[in-house]
Amino acid sequence: MRHFEVEPGGHTPHHQHDYEHEILVLKGHGVAKSEQGERSIGAGDVIWVPANELHQFQNPGPEPLEFICLIPAPEDCTS
């Protein structure tokens, strides 16, 4: 689990990785960009990002965009 805060006018890198992840937006409003296009996001929204999909989160608004990113444990992980 990771916590992110994107400042007004900022964005995350346009990137991809070999694992899925889930996003829970805590505060603010922004834009989620993916291979399917752009989607407005806001507090309370949940977003699923499939493995290997190019994606980016942008904050065009006047307030910070805050979200939590959850990454599932690998199937072979034992604890």
Protein backbone atom coordinates (compact mmCIF):
# COMPACT_ATOMS: atom_id res chain seq x y z
CA MET A 1 0.00 0.00 0.00
CA ARG A 2 1.34 3.42 -0.96
CA HIS A 3 0.01 6.94 -0.37
CA PHE A 4 0.34 9.58 -3.11
CA GLU A 5 -0.35 13.30 -3.20
CA VAL A 6 -0.29 15.07 -6.56
CA GLU A 7 0.00 18.84 -6.24
CA PRO A 8 -2.23 21.19 -8.28
CA GLY A 9 -1.04 21.23 -11.90
CA GLY A 10 1.02 18.08 -11.31
CA HIS A 11 0.87 14.50 -12.54
CA THR A 12 2.36 11.07 -12.02
CA PRO A 13 4.67 9.65 -14.71
CA HIS A 14 2.97 8.10 -17.75
CA HIS A 15 4.05 4.54 -17.03
CA GLN A 16 3.23 0.84 -16.86
CA HIS A 17 4.34 -2.14 -14.79
CA ASP A 18 3.84 -5.88 -14.77
CA TYR A 19 1.34 -5.98 -11.89
CA GLU A 20 -2.21 -4.76 -11.44
CA HIS A 21 -3.13 -2.25 -8.79
CA GLU A 22 -6.15 -0.61 -7.27
CA ILE A 23 -6.51 3.08 -6.48
CA LEU A 24 -8.73 4.67 -3.82
CA VAL A 25 -9.08 8.45 -4.23
CA LEU A 26 -9.12 10.11 -0.81
CA LYS A 27 -9.25 13.85 -1.62
CA GLY A 28 -9.45 16.23 -4.53
CA HIS A 29 -10.33 15.75 -8.18
CA GLY A 30 -8.27 14.76 -11.16
CA VAL A 31 -8.01 12.81 -14.39
CA ALA A 32 -7.05 9.16 -14.79
CA LYS A 33 -5.50 8.51 -18.20
CA SER A 34 -5.30 4.97 -19.56
CA GLU A 35 -5.27 3.14 -22.88
CA GLN A 36 -9.09 3.40 -22.83
CA GLY A 37 -8.99 7.21 -22.62
CA GLU A 38 -9.45 9.79 -19.87
CA ARG A 39 -11.80 9.66 -16.90
CA SER A 40 -12.59 12.29 -14.27
CA ILE A 41 -11.93 11.05 -10.74
CA GLY A 42 -12.72 12.34 -7.27
CA ALA A 43 -12.86 11.44 -3.59
CA GLY A 44 -14.40 8.02 -3.04
CA ASP A 45 -13.67 6.68 -6.54
CA VAL A 46 -11.99 3.30 -6.91
CA ILE A 47 -9.92 2.56 -10.03
CA TRP A 48 -8.52 -0.76 -11.24
CA VAL A 49 -5.38 -0.61 -13.37
CA PRO A 50 -4.59 -3.89 -15.17
CA ALA A 51 -1.02 -5.17 -15.40
CA ASN A 52 1.03 -3.67 -18.26
CA GLU A 53 -1.45 -0.87 -18.99
CA LEU A 54 -0.02 2.61 -19.64
CA HIS A 55 -1.57 5.01 -17.12
CA GLN A 56 -1.18 8.40 -15.50
CA PHE A 57 -2.98 10.50 -12.89
CA GLN A 58 -3.22 14.26 -13.44
CA ASN A 59 -4.34 17.04 -11.14
CA PRO A 60 -5.65 20.04 -13.09
CA GLY A 61 -7.52 21.33 -10.02
CA PRO A 62 -6.70 23.89 -7.33
CA GLU A 63 -6.37 21.35 -4.47
CA PRO A 64 -4.04 18.39 -3.94
CA LEU A 65 -5.19 15.04 -5.37
CA GLU A 66 -4.63 12.35 -2.74
CA PHE A 67 -4.95 8.60 -3.26
CA ILE A 68 -3.88 5.22 -1.97
CA CYS A 69 -2.43 2.64 -4.36
CA LEU A 70 -2.87 -1.02 -3.41
CA ILE A 71 -0.77 -3.76 -5.00
CA PRO A 72 -1.89 -7.37 -4.46
CA ALA A 73 0.61 -9.84 -3.05
CA PRO A 74 2.05 -12.26 -5.60
CA GLU A 75 0.27 -15.61 -5.78
CA ASP A 76 3.37 -17.40 -4.57
CA CYS A 77 3.69 -15.15 -1.52
CA THR A 78 3.31 -16.99 1.78
CA SER A 79 3.26 -15.24 5.11
